[in-house]
């Protein structure tokens, strides 16, 4: 064990090792070209917007099925409408969360 401690102490005291660790990586900030950055942001925004619009439309159709099912006394139709409303809410939450995560990670690369 003492040989290992001696080796670690010798490495820690080596001035060349500290010089190598000082900054071997140059100062560089990655950025995307504007020709790529703007269209990708637009595609991501449109995808999220259309997905959320589809979820809202699905929820409206579900509420319509619930209304028709209750008024015509068809319980199965109303139950399917309620299930559609639930899945529309889950889908909208998933789309909103995924879109915001993708955009935040995408924006971390720089402007």
Protein backbone atom coordinates (compact mmCIF):
# COMPACT_ATOMS: atom_id res chain seq x y z
CA UNK A 1 0.00 0.00 0.00
CA UNK A 2 2.84 2.37 0.75
CA UNK A 3 4.22 1.93 -2.78
CA UNK A 4 0.86 3.10 -4.18
CA UNK A 5 0.87 6.14 -1.90
CA UNK A 6 4.44 6.96 -2.90
CA UNK A 7 3.51 6.76 -6.59
CA UNK A 8 0.47 8.99 -6.16
CA UNK A 9 2.49 11.51 -4.16
CA UNK A 10 5.20 11.59 -6.82
CA UNK A 11 2.64 12.10 -9.58
CA UNK A 12 0.91 14.89 -7.67
CA UNK A 13 4.20 16.72 -7.12
CA UNK A 14 5.26 16.46 -10.78
CA UNK A 15 5.27 20.00 -12.28
CA UNK A 16 4.87 18.68 -15.84
CA UNK A 17 1.62 16.96 -14.94
CA UNK A 18 0.12 20.25 -13.70
CA UNK A 19 1.22 22.02 -16.88
CA UNK A 20 -0.55 19.43 -19.01
CA UNK A 21 -3.76 19.72 -16.99
CA UNK A 22 -3.78 23.53 -17.16
CA UNK A 23 -5.60 23.84 -20.46
CA UNK A 24 -5.09 21.34 -23.27
CA UNK A 25 -8.54 22.15 -24.72
CA UNK A 26 -8.77 25.46 -26.58
CA UNK A 27 -11.52 27.96 -25.79
CA UNK A 28 -14.27 26.94 -28.22
CA UNK A 29 -18.02 27.50 -28.18
CA UNK A 30 -20.00 25.30 -30.57
CA UNK A 31 -22.62 27.08 -32.65
CA UNK A 32 -24.87 26.00 -35.44
CA UNK A 33 -24.86 27.94 -38.69
CA UNK A 34 -27.88 30.20 -39.18
CA UNK A 35 -28.76 28.29 -42.36
CA UNK A 36 -29.34 25.19 -40.21
CA UNK A 37 -30.46 26.73 -36.92
CA UNK A 38 -33.51 28.70 -38.08
CA UNK A 39 -35.20 25.96 -40.20
CA UNK A 40 -34.70 23.33 -37.49
CA UNK A 41 -36.26 25.59 -34.85
CA UNK A 42 -39.18 26.26 -37.19
CA UNK A 43 -39.74 22.54 -37.85
CA UNK A 44 -39.63 21.77 -34.11
CA UNK A 45 -42.09 24.57 -33.35
CA UNK A 46 -44.50 23.50 -36.10
CA UNK A 47 -44.35 19.86 -34.99
CA UNK A 48 -45.16 20.79 -31.40
CA UNK A 49 -47.93 23.15 -32.47
CA UNK A 50 -49.59 20.63 -34.79
CA UNK A 51 -49.31 17.91 -32.15
CA UNK A 52 -50.98 20.09 -29.54
CA UNK A 53 -53.68 21.11 -32.04
CA UNK A 54 -54.34 17.42 -32.74
CA UNK A 55 -54.61 16.71 -29.01
CA UNK A 56 -57.12 19.55 -28.59
CA UNK A 57 -59.13 18.26 -31.55
CA UNK A 58 -59.10 14.77 -30.05
CA UNK A 59 -60.35 16.16 -26.75
CA UNK A 60 -63.18 18.03 -28.48
CA UNK A 61 -64.22 14.88 -30.36
CA UNK A 62 -64.12 12.98 -27.05
CA UNK A 63 -66.41 15.54 -25.40
CA UNK A 64 -68.74 15.26 -28.40
CA UNK A 65 -68.84 11.46 -27.99
CA UNK A 66 -69.63 11.87 -24.29
CA UNK A 67 -72.48 14.27 -25.08
CA UNK A 68 -73.97 12.05 -27.77
CA UNK A 69 -73.50 8.90 -25.68
CA UNK A 70 -75.24 10.34 -22.63
CA UNK A 71 -78.11 11.85 -24.60
CA UNK A 72 -78.80 8.68 -26.58
CA UNK A 73 -78.24 6.42 -23.56
CA UNK A 74 -75.35 4.56 -25.16
CA UNK A 75 -72.96 4.04 -22.28
CA UNK A 76 -70.26 2.46 -24.44
CA UNK A 77 -70.06 5.55 -26.66
CA UNK A 78 -69.83 7.86 -23.63
CA UNK A 79 -67.15 5.63 -22.08
CA UNK A 80 -65.10 5.74 -25.28
CA UNK A 81 -65.44 9.52 -25.31
CA UNK A 82 -64.18 9.75 -21.73
CA UNK A 83 -61.28 7.50 -22.62
CA UNK A 84 -60.50 9.70 -25.62
CA UNK A 85 -60.49 12.81 -23.42
CA UNK A 86 -58.07 11.17 -21.00
CA UNK A 87 -55.70 10.09 -23.78
CA UNK A 88 -55.87 13.54 -25.35
CA UNK A 89 -54.78 15.09 -22.05
CA UNK A 90 -51.96 12.58 -21.69
CA UNK A 91 -50.89 13.16 -25.29
CA UNK A 92 -50.94 16.94 -24.92
CA UNK A 93 -48.86 16.72 -21.75
CA UNK A 94 -46.36 14.41 -23.43
CA UNK A 95 -46.11 16.60 -26.53
CA UNK A 96 -45.69 19.77 -24.47
CA UNK A 97 -43.05 18.22 -22.21
CA UNK A 98 -41.13 16.63 -25.08
CA UNK A 99 -41.22 19.78 -27.20
CA UNK A 100 -39.95 21.95 -24.37
CA UNK A 101 -37.18 19.48 -23.50
CA UNK A 102 -36.04 19.15 -27.11
CA UNK A 103 -36.04 22.92 -27.62
CA UNK A 104 -34.16 23.54 -24.36
CA UNK A 105 -31.47 20.96 -25.21
CA UNK A 106 -31.30 22.26 -28.75
CA UNK A 107 -30.85 25.83 -27.51
CA UNK A 108 -27.99 24.74 -25.23
CA UNK A 109 -25.75 24.37 -28.28
CA UNK A 110 -25.57 28.13 -28.65
CA UNK A 111 -27.27 30.79 -30.67
